[in-house]
Amino acid sequence: NIVANLCQYSHPDYNMMEGANDGYQDIIPLFLPIYHIYGLVICLFASL
């Protein structure tokens, strides 16, 4: 289920994040705490 969600998240039509520059940086709220395994996996794998 996590892999399927990450595949959906990384699809080119679903661009939630933009590159950071001098005046702009994306902030992504995590619904699960980062120490929770699902929050950690989604946060780490979404950046791949």
C-alpha atoms as a PDB file:
ATOM      1  CA  ASN A   1       0.000   0.000   0.000  1.00  0.00           C
ATOM      2  CA  ILE A   2       2.864   2.390   0.766  1.00  0.00           C
ATOM      3  CA  VAL A   3       4.530   1.601  -2.553  1.00  0.00           C
ATOM      4  CA  ALA A   4       1.284   2.270  -4.435  1.00  0.00           C
ATOM      5  CA  ASN A   5       0.832   5.594  -2.654  1.00  0.00           C
ATOM      6  CA  LEU A   6       4.390   6.624  -3.438  1.00  0.00           C
ATOM      7  CA  CYS A   7       3.927   5.690  -7.105  1.00  0.00           C
ATOM      8  CA  GLN A   8       0.830   7.867  -7.219  1.00  0.00           C
ATOM      9  CA  TYR A   9       2.669  10.666  -5.441  1.00  0.00           C
ATOM     10  CA  SER A  10       5.605  10.570  -7.870  1.00  0.00           C
ATOM     11  CA  HIS A  11       3.484  10.557 -11.051  1.00  0.00           C
ATOM     12  CA  PRO A  12       4.451  13.463 -13.398  1.00  0.00           C
ATOM     13  CA  ASP A  13       0.866  14.775 -13.536  1.00  0.00           C
ATOM     14  CA  TYR A  14       0.821  15.151  -9.759  1.00  0.00           C
ATOM     15  CA  ASN A  15       3.515  17.739  -9.108  1.00  0.00           C
ATOM     16  CA  MET A  16       3.124  18.834  -5.529  1.00  0.00           C
ATOM     17  CA  MET A  17       6.656  20.104  -5.011  1.00  0.00           C
ATOM     18  CA  GLU A  18       8.712  22.680  -6.879  1.00  0.00           C
ATOM     19  CA  GLY A  19      12.422  23.286  -6.632  1.00  0.00           C
ATOM     20  CA  ALA A  20      13.633  25.617  -3.900  1.00  0.00           C
ATOM     21  CA  ASN A  21      15.262  28.914  -4.786  1.00  0.00           C
ATOM     22  CA  ASP A  22      16.357  32.017  -2.883  1.00  0.00           C
ATOM     23  CA  GLY A  23      12.837  33.234  -2.131  1.00  0.00           C
ATOM     24  CA  TYR A  24      10.756  30.063  -2.170  1.00  0.00           C
ATOM     25  CA  GLN A  25      10.842  26.711  -0.419  1.00  0.00           C
ATOM     26  CA  ASP A  26       8.067  24.112  -0.228  1.00  0.00           C
ATOM     27  CA  ILE A  27       6.875  22.961   3.168  1.00  0.00           C
ATOM     28  CA  ILE A  28       5.070  19.629   3.352  1.00  0.00           C
ATOM     29  CA  PRO A  29       3.022  18.941   6.484  1.00  0.00           C
ATOM     30  CA  LEU A  30       3.272  15.373   7.726  1.00  0.00           C
ATOM     31  CA  PHE A  31       0.082  13.872   9.071  1.00  0.00           C
ATOM     32  CA  LEU A  32       1.997  11.131  10.815  1.00  0.00           C
ATOM     33  CA  PRO A  33       4.935  11.957  13.052  1.00  0.00           C
ATOM     34  CA  ILE A  34       8.342  11.570  11.415  1.00  0.00           C
ATOM     35  CA  TYR A  35       9.337   8.986  14.046  1.00  0.00           C
ATOM     36  CA  HIS A  36       6.381   6.836  12.980  1.00  0.00           C
ATOM     37  CA  ILE A  37       7.550   4.345  10.339  1.00  0.00           C
ATOM     38  CA  TYR A  38       4.912   5.302   7.754  1.00  0.00           C
ATOM     39  CA  GLY A  39       5.648   9.015   8.114  1.00  0.00           C
ATOM     40  CA  LEU A  40       9.375   8.334   7.800  1.00  0.00           C
ATOM     41  CA  VAL A  41       9.020   6.072   4.752  1.00  0.00           C
ATOM     42  CA  ILE A  42       6.731   8.463   2.884  1.00  0.00           C
ATOM     43  CA  CYS A  43       8.916  11.469   3.648  1.00  0.00           C
ATOM     44  CA  LEU A  44      12.121   9.712   2.582  1.00  0.00           C
ATOM     45  CA  PHE A  45      10.807   7.872  -0.482  1.00  0.00           C
ATOM     46  CA  ALA A  46       8.852  10.866  -1.818  1.00  0.00           C
ATOM     47  CA  SER A  47      12.119  12.717  -2.409  1.00  0.00           C
ATOM     48  CA  LEU A  48      13.553   9.958  -4.633  1.00  0.00           C
END
